[in-house]
Amino acid sequence: MIKVGIVGATGYGGVELIRLILGHPKAELSKISSVSFEGKKISEVYPSLIDTCDDVLVSQDEVIAASDVVFAALPHGLSQPLAKACMDAGKVFIDFGADFRLENEDAYETWYGARFEHPELHQIAVYGLCELWRDQIKGARLIANPGCYPTSIQLGLAPALKNALCDPAGIVIDSKSGATGAGRGLSQTTHFCDLDEGFAPYKVAAHRHTPEIEQGLSKLAGEEVTVTFVPHLLPLKRGIISTIYTSSTADLQTVHAAYTKFYENEPFVTVLPLGQAANLKNVAMTNRCHISLHRDEHAGRLIIVSAIDNMVKGAAGQAVQNMNIVFGLPETTGLDLVAPAF
């Protein structure tokens, strides 16, 4: 059994990971930690875990010592020293945050206000979007789990960019996320009275996922890609849906055939039949991504809709998928999840 440790276990991403590991046939929780709740049982923080997981939250050092793989479900900026400790101890490290996602240190400083603390670790870090960079993930010891928005967007655009089916210039991305994407800490916009029955964009053209999106799309396109990215906050708990607008002269049947071929062996990506539209409800609580394709003949635009669960494929599920790849397990192990019917 793979011994799994979680640092930051009481955040939304951390507790979602606990849920998945408890159902994983080849992995088991070793130790979990949380600075805010050290010494308490996880079931005191999340009563849904009473009699299912009553593990006591311990120190980070105890987690590292007891684990084969350490997941860091921490706010941005806290993972670099933890990664160094894990590498020194010979552990696999999978980071939920942005500390290792960006390859360019200047971009990291611009968007996150910090420098690379251990540049040598950034040289070995692998970007863990499994469907696109699987070969690099195999055998990796330090994995940067992708952001939730970048996951939905890159999966949505990858076949079009790789097959030159759309113009890489002028891409416009309209994304919407459930409130769990903001984390467990409360802000004015996530108060119930502000969120309920509300719907608005935020961080317009200034979201920190922008450089990660552009970095991934540029690799896929083979040239520098600049996008317009506008996220919105939905009055829902979980889910991300991205509607992507691109210029394209390709007919829709050709595009659909290319997408179907690109993802034909991917267990977690479904290209919907033409005429259907991706819906958050159909991917909730799963590690799946649903993609639908549409064409605006009047404007000459290909419209791509990509839906994921931000807490599973956008966070904990993708992290488990990365773990499965690293340890030589089938990627679907512990992730054969079905969305609720209603």
Protein backbone atom coordinates (compact mmCIF):
# COMPACT_ATOMS: atom_id res chain seq x y z
CA MET A 1 0.00 0.00 0.00
CA ILE A 2 1.15 3.52 -0.77
CA LYS A 3 1.44 5.54 2.41
CA VAL A 4 -0.14 8.94 1.83
CA GLY A 5 0.54 12.03 3.92
CA ILE A 6 -1.40 15.27 3.59
CA VAL A 7 -0.19 18.68 4.72
CA GLY A 8 -3.06 21.16 4.85
CA ALA A 9 -5.64 18.45 5.39
CA THR A 10 -8.37 20.73 6.71
CA GLY A 11 -8.73 22.88 3.59
CA TYR A 12 -11.29 21.98 0.96
CA GLY A 13 -8.68 20.38 -1.29
CA GLY A 14 -7.15 18.48 1.62
CA VAL A 15 -10.39 16.99 2.90
CA GLU A 16 -11.46 16.10 -0.65
CA LEU A 17 -8.17 14.22 -0.96
CA ILE A 18 -8.91 12.38 2.28
CA ARG A 19 -12.26 11.28 0.82
CA LEU A 20 -10.55 9.88 -2.27
CA ILE A 21 -7.70 8.15 -0.43
CA LEU A 22 -10.15 6.46 1.95
CA GLY A 23 -11.68 4.79 -1.10
CA HIS A 24 -8.40 4.01 -2.87
CA PRO A 25 -7.61 0.25 -2.95
CA LYS A 26 -3.83 0.72 -3.19
CA ALA A 27 -3.25 3.67 -0.85
CA GLU A 28 -3.81 4.45 2.82
CA LEU A 29 -3.57 7.56 4.96
CA SER A 30 -0.41 7.62 7.03
CA LYS A 31 -0.41 11.03 8.74
CA ILE A 32 -2.22 14.31 8.17
CA SER A 33 -1.42 17.81 9.37
CA SER A 34 -2.91 21.26 9.74
CA VAL A 35 -1.24 24.23 11.40
CA SER A 36 -4.60 25.70 12.40
CA PHE A 37 -5.94 22.52 14.01
CA GLU A 38 -2.85 20.59 15.13
CA GLY A 39 -3.72 18.18 17.94
CA LYS A 40 -7.37 17.89 16.97
CA LYS A 41 -9.01 15.01 15.15
CA ILE A 42 -9.93 15.67 11.53
CA SER A 43 -13.43 14.49 12.44
CA GLU A 44 -13.70 17.39 14.88
CA VAL A 45 -13.19 19.78 11.98
CA TYR A 46 -15.36 17.79 9.55
CA PRO A 47 -17.97 15.79 11.52
CA SER A 48 -18.91 13.88 8.35
CA LEU A 49 -15.70 11.89 8.96
CA ILE A 50 -16.68 10.68 12.46
CA ASP A 51 -16.04 6.91 12.71
CA THR A 52 -14.66 7.00 9.14
CA CYS A 53 -11.46 8.96 9.71
CA ASP A 54 -10.64 10.11 13.24
CA ASP A 55 -6.93 10.70 12.60
CA VAL A 56 -5.24 13.32 14.76
CA LEU A 57 -3.66 16.26 12.94
CA VAL A 58 0.10 16.20 13.60
CA SER A 59 3.18 18.18 12.57
CA GLN A 60 4.53 18.37 9.03
CA ASP A 61 7.69 16.55 10.08
CA GLU A 62 5.63 13.58 11.28
CA VAL A 63 3.76 13.51 7.98
CA ILE A 64 6.97 13.45 5.95
CA ALA A 65 8.55 10.71 8.06
CA ALA A 66 5.52 8.41 7.83
CA SER A 67 4.70 8.76 4.12
CA ASP A 68 5.77 7.55 0.69
CA VAL A 69 4.06 10.51 -0.97
CA VAL A 70 3.24 13.88 0.56
CA PHE A 71 0.46 16.06 -0.81
CA ALA A 72 0.57 19.76 0.01
CA ALA A 73 -2.88 21.33 0.03
CA LEU A 74 -1.59 24.72 1.13
CA PRO A 75 -2.08 28.35 0.12
CA HIS A 76 0.31 29.65 -2.51
CA GLY A 77 3.80 30.47 -1.23
CA LEU A 78 4.09 27.82 1.48
CA SER A 79 5.14 24.72 -0.46
CA GLN A 80 8.76 25.39 -1.42
CA PRO A 81 10.39 24.64 1.96
CA LEU A 82 8.12 21.61 2.38
CA ALA A 83 9.13 20.34 -1.05
CA LYS A 84 12.80 20.70 -0.10
CA ALA A 85 12.25 18.66 3.07
CA CYS A 86 10.43 15.96 1.09
CA MET A 87 13.14 15.77 -1.56
CA ASP A 88 15.82 15.50 1.15
CA ALA A 89 13.84 12.67 2.75
CA GLY A 90 13.40 10.81 -0.55
CA LYS A 91 9.63 11.25 -0.72
CA VAL A 92 7.37 12.00 -3.67
CA PHE A 93 5.85 15.48 -3.38
CA ILE A 94 2.64 16.62 -5.09
CA ASP A 95 1.77 20.29 -4.67
CA PHE A 96 -1.76 21.64 -5.00
CA GLY A 97 -0.51 25.25 -5.04
CA ALA A 98 1.18 27.42 -7.64
CA ASP A 99 4.70 27.36 -6.23
CA PHE A 100 6.07 25.05 -8.94
CA ARG A 101 3.63 25.58 -11.82
CA LEU A 102 5.37 28.47 -13.55
CA GLU A 103 8.68 27.88 -15.29
CA ASN A 104 9.63 31.55 -15.52
CA GLU A 105 10.78 33.04 -12.22
CA ASP A 106 10.07 36.61 -13.33
CA ALA A 107 6.49 35.64 -14.15
CA TYR A 108 6.18 34.01 -10.74
CA GLU A 109 7.40 37.18 -9.06
CA THR A 110 5.06 39.36 -11.14
CA TRP A 111 1.95 37.33 -10.38
CA TYR A 112 2.73 35.90 -6.92
CA GLY A 113 5.17 38.39 -5.47
CA ALA A 114 7.91 35.89 -4.62
CA ARG A 115 11.07 34.35 -6.05
CA PHE A 116 12.11 30.71 -6.42
CA GLU A 117 13.51 29.72 -3.01
CA HIS A 118 15.12 26.53 -4.31
CA PRO A 119 15.81 26.96 -8.04
CA GLU A 120 17.19 23.43 -8.30
CA LEU A 121 13.76 22.04 -7.35
CA HIS A 122 12.06 24.01 -10.10
CA GLN A 123 14.41 22.30 -12.56
CA ILE A 124 13.01 18.88 -11.62
CA ALA A 125 9.38 19.88 -11.07
CA VAL A 126 6.91 18.42 -13.57
CA TYR A 127 3.60 20.01 -14.50
CA GLY A 128 0.99 17.38 -13.69
CA LEU A 129 -1.75 17.72 -16.29
CA CYS A 130 -1.93 13.99 -16.83
CA GLU A 131 -3.59 13.79 -20.24
CA LEU A 132 -1.03 16.13 -21.82
CA TRP A 133 2.25 15.47 -19.99
CA ARG A 134 1.94 11.85 -18.89
CA ASP A 135 5.39 10.78 -20.08
CA GLN A 136 7.11 13.46 -17.98
CA ILE A 137 5.06 12.54 -14.91
CA LYS A 138 6.22 8.92 -14.97
CA GLY A 139 9.12 8.66 -12.55
CA ALA A 140 8.82 12.26 -11.35
CA ARG A 141 9.36 13.04 -7.67
CA LEU A 142 8.07 16.62 -7.57
CA ILE A 143 4.77 17.37 -9.31
CA ALA A 144 2.98 20.69 -9.65
CA ASN A 145 -0.71 19.84 -9.67
CA PRO A 146 -2.35 22.20 -12.20
CA GLY A 147 -4.79 24.92 -11.26
CA CYS A 148 -8.50 24.24 -11.67
CA TYR A 149 -9.17 26.87 -14.34
CA PRO A 150 -6.04 25.93 -16.34
CA THR A 151 -7.10 22.27 -16.27
CA SER A 152 -10.49 22.92 -17.84
CA ILE A 153 -9.05 25.39 -20.35
CA GLN A 154 -6.02 23.39 -21.49
CA LEU A 155 -8.03 20.19 -21.90
CA GLY A 156 -10.60 22.18 -23.84
CA LEU A 157 -8.09 23.74 -26.24
CA ALA A 158 -5.39 21.06 -26.57
CA PRO A 159 -6.75 19.20 -29.63
CA ALA A 160 -7.55 22.42 -31.50
CA LEU A 161 -4.11 23.92 -30.90
CA LYS A 162 -2.16 20.71 -31.51
CA ASN A 163 -4.01 20.14 -34.80
CA ALA A 164 -3.96 23.81 -35.90
CA LEU A 165 -7.76 23.88 -35.99
CA CYS A 166 -8.04 27.37 -34.51
CA ASP A 167 -6.13 30.64 -34.52
CA PRO A 168 -3.94 30.80 -31.38
CA ALA A 169 -4.31 34.59 -31.41
CA GLY A 170 -7.35 36.31 -29.94
CA ILE A 171 -8.57 33.46 -27.70
CA VAL A 172 -11.22 34.62 -25.23
CA ILE A 173 -12.00 32.47 -22.17
CA ASP A 174 -15.08 32.94 -20.01
CA SER A 175 -14.87 30.66 -16.96
CA LYS A 176 -17.17 30.14 -14.01
CA SER A 177 -16.34 28.43 -10.71
CA GLY A 178 -18.11 27.25 -7.61
CA ALA A 179 -17.24 28.91 -4.30
CA THR A 180 -14.91 26.12 -3.09
CA GLY A 181 -12.38 27.46 -5.60
CA ALA A 182 -11.82 30.42 -3.26
CA GLY A 183 -10.71 28.11 -0.45
CA ARG A 184 -12.03 27.65 3.06
CA GLY A 185 -11.06 31.12 4.27
CA LEU A 186 -13.98 33.54 4.20
CA SER A 187 -14.03 36.75 2.17
CA GLN A 188 -16.70 39.37 1.56
CA THR A 189 -17.69 37.85 -1.77
CA THR A 190 -18.10 34.34 -0.32
CA HIS A 191 -20.41 35.30 2.55
CA PHE A 192 -23.72 33.51 2.00
CA CYS A 193 -25.71 36.72 1.67
CA ASP A 194 -23.32 38.09 -0.97
CA LEU A 195 -22.94 34.83 -2.88
CA ASP A 196 -26.49 33.47 -2.85
CA GLU A 197 -28.51 34.58 -5.90
CA GLY A 198 -25.49 36.55 -7.10
CA PHE A 199 -23.29 36.12 -10.14
CA ALA A 200 -20.37 38.34 -11.12
CA PRO A 201 -16.90 38.33 -12.66
CA TYR A 202 -13.86 38.84 -10.45
CA LYS A 203 -10.19 39.63 -11.01
CA VAL A 204 -11.11 40.62 -14.55
CA ALA A 205 -8.08 40.18 -16.84
CA ALA A 206 -5.93 39.94 -13.69
CA HIS A 207 -6.34 36.39 -12.34
CA ARG A 208 -3.18 34.60 -11.23
CA HIS A 209 -3.99 31.56 -13.35
CA THR A 210 -3.44 33.61 -16.51
CA PRO A 211 0.33 32.96 -16.87
CA GLU A 212 -0.20 29.25 -16.18
CA ILE A 213 -2.88 29.10 -18.89
CA GLU A 214 -0.68 30.94 -21.38
CA GLN A 215 2.37 28.81 -20.53
CA GLY A 216 0.47 25.59 -21.25
CA LEU A 217 -1.30 26.84 -24.37
CA SER A 218 1.97 28.19 -25.78
CA LYS A 219 3.54 24.74 -25.49
CA LEU A 220 0.55 23.17 -27.22
CA ALA A 221 0.52 25.74 -30.02
CA GLY A 222 4.29 25.86 -30.49
CA GLU A 223 4.22 29.65 -30.28
CA GLU A 224 3.51 32.34 -27.72
CA VAL A 225 -0.18 32.52 -26.87
CA THR A 226 -1.85 35.44 -25.11
CA VAL A 227 -5.44 35.08 -23.93
CA THR A 228 -8.23 37.17 -22.49
CA PHE A 229 -9.34 35.31 -19.35
CA VAL A 230 -12.30 36.38 -17.22
CA PRO A 231 -13.39 34.18 -14.28
CA HIS A 232 -16.78 34.39 -12.57
CA LEU A 233 -18.03 33.19 -9.20
CA LEU A 234 -21.10 30.96 -9.29
CA PRO A 235 -23.47 30.57 -6.31
CA LEU A 236 -22.58 26.86 -6.21
CA LYS A 237 -20.26 24.81 -4.03
CA ARG A 238 -18.22 23.10 -6.74
CA GLY A 239 -17.57 22.90 -10.45
CA ILE A 240 -15.88 24.86 -13.26
CA ILE A 241 -17.25 25.49 -16.71
CA SER A 242 -15.13 27.29 -19.29
CA THR A 243 -16.58 28.66 -22.51
CA ILE A 244 -13.75 29.34 -24.96
CA TYR A 245 -14.07 31.45 -28.11
CA THR A 246 -11.57 31.01 -30.95
CA SER A 247 -11.40 31.96 -34.62
CA SER A 248 -11.52 28.92 -36.89
CA THR A 249 -12.24 28.06 -40.52
CA ALA A 250 -12.55 24.32 -39.83
CA ASP A 251 -15.98 22.74 -40.11
CA LEU A 252 -17.45 21.35 -36.93
CA GLN A 253 -17.44 17.71 -38.05
CA THR A 254 -13.69 17.89 -38.72
CA VAL A 255 -13.06 19.47 -35.32
CA HIS A 256 -15.21 16.90 -33.55
CA ALA A 257 -13.41 14.03 -35.26
CA ALA A 258 -10.04 15.49 -34.22
CA TYR A 259 -11.15 15.87 -30.60
CA THR A 260 -12.57 12.37 -30.49
CA LYS A 261 -9.31 10.95 -31.86
CA PHE A 262 -7.17 13.03 -29.48
CA TYR A 263 -9.00 11.78 -26.39
CA GLU A 264 -10.05 8.30 -27.53
CA ASN A 265 -7.83 6.54 -24.97
CA GLU A 266 -8.34 8.99 -22.11
CA PRO A 267 -10.63 7.53 -19.43
CA PHE A 268 -11.41 10.89 -17.84
CA VAL A 269 -12.14 13.05 -20.88
CA THR A 270 -15.39 12.74 -22.83
CA VAL A 271 -16.06 14.60 -26.07
CA LEU A 272 -19.83 14.93 -26.19
CA PRO A 273 -21.83 14.25 -29.37
CA LEU A 274 -22.49 17.28 -31.52
CA GLY A 275 -25.61 19.08 -30.41
CA GLN A 276 -25.02 18.46 -26.70
CA ALA A 277 -23.59 21.02 -24.28
CA ALA A 278 -21.31 20.29 -21.33
CA ASN A 279 -23.03 20.67 -17.95
CA LEU A 280 -21.47 20.94 -14.49
CA LYS A 281 -24.03 18.54 -13.03
CA ASN A 282 -22.75 15.68 -15.17
CA VAL A 283 -19.16 15.86 -13.87
CA ALA A 284 -19.88 16.70 -10.21
CA MET A 285 -17.95 14.56 -7.68
CA THR A 286 -15.97 12.90 -10.49
CA ASN A 287 -12.51 13.17 -12.06
CA ARG A 288 -14.05 13.63 -15.49
CA CYS A 289 -13.92 16.45 -18.01
CA HIS A 290 -16.79 16.87 -20.47
CA ILE A 291 -16.10 18.85 -23.64
CA SER A 292 -18.71 20.08 -26.10
CA LEU A 293 -18.00 21.73 -29.44
CA HIS A 294 -20.04 24.40 -31.19
CA ARG A 295 -19.63 26.66 -34.20
CA ASP A 296 -20.82 30.20 -34.78
CA GLU A 297 -20.99 30.27 -38.57
CA HIS A 298 -21.90 33.96 -38.66
CA ALA A 299 -18.77 35.02 -36.75
CA GLY A 300 -16.48 32.23 -37.95
CA ARG A 301 -15.79 31.07 -34.43
CA LEU A 302 -15.25 27.69 -32.82
CA ILE A 303 -16.77 27.64 -29.34
CA ILE A 304 -15.46 25.05 -26.87
CA VAL A 305 -17.17 24.29 -23.58
CA SER A 306 -15.20 22.37 -20.94
CA ALA A 307 -16.68 21.25 -17.61
CA ILE A 308 -14.93 19.73 -14.59
CA ASP A 309 -15.41 19.41 -10.85
CA ASN A 310 -12.92 21.93 -9.48
CA MET A 311 -12.34 19.89 -6.31
CA VAL A 312 -11.74 16.59 -8.11
CA LYS A 313 -10.31 16.91 -11.64
CA GLY A 314 -9.33 20.47 -10.73
CA ALA A 315 -7.53 19.49 -7.52
CA ALA A 316 -7.62 16.28 -5.43
CA GLY A 317 -8.66 13.83 -8.15
CA GLN A 318 -5.97 15.02 -10.54
CA ALA A 319 -3.46 14.76 -7.68
CA VAL A 320 -4.45 11.13 -7.13
CA GLN A 321 -4.23 10.53 -10.88
CA ASN A 322 -0.67 11.89 -10.75
CA MET A 323 0.13 9.61 -7.81
CA ASN A 324 -1.21 6.62 -9.73
CA ILE A 325 1.04 7.41 -12.68
CA VAL A 326 4.14 7.88 -10.51
CA PHE A 327 3.60 4.59 -8.68
CA GLY A 328 2.76 2.58 -11.79
CA LEU A 329 -0.94 2.07 -11.10
CA PRO A 330 -3.76 2.32 -13.64
CA GLU A 331 -4.80 5.96 -13.68
CA THR A 332 -8.40 5.12 -12.86
CA THR A 333 -7.46 3.40 -9.58
CA GLY A 334 -9.57 4.92 -6.82
CA LEU A 335 -11.09 7.40 -9.28
CA ASP A 336 -13.86 5.37 -10.92
CA LEU A 337 -16.45 7.85 -9.73
CA VAL A 338 -19.95 8.47 -11.11
CA ALA A 339 -21.74 11.79 -10.94
CA PRO A 340 -24.96 11.88 -8.91
CA ALA A 341 -28.01 11.62 -11.15
CA PHE A 342 -29.62 14.62 -9.45
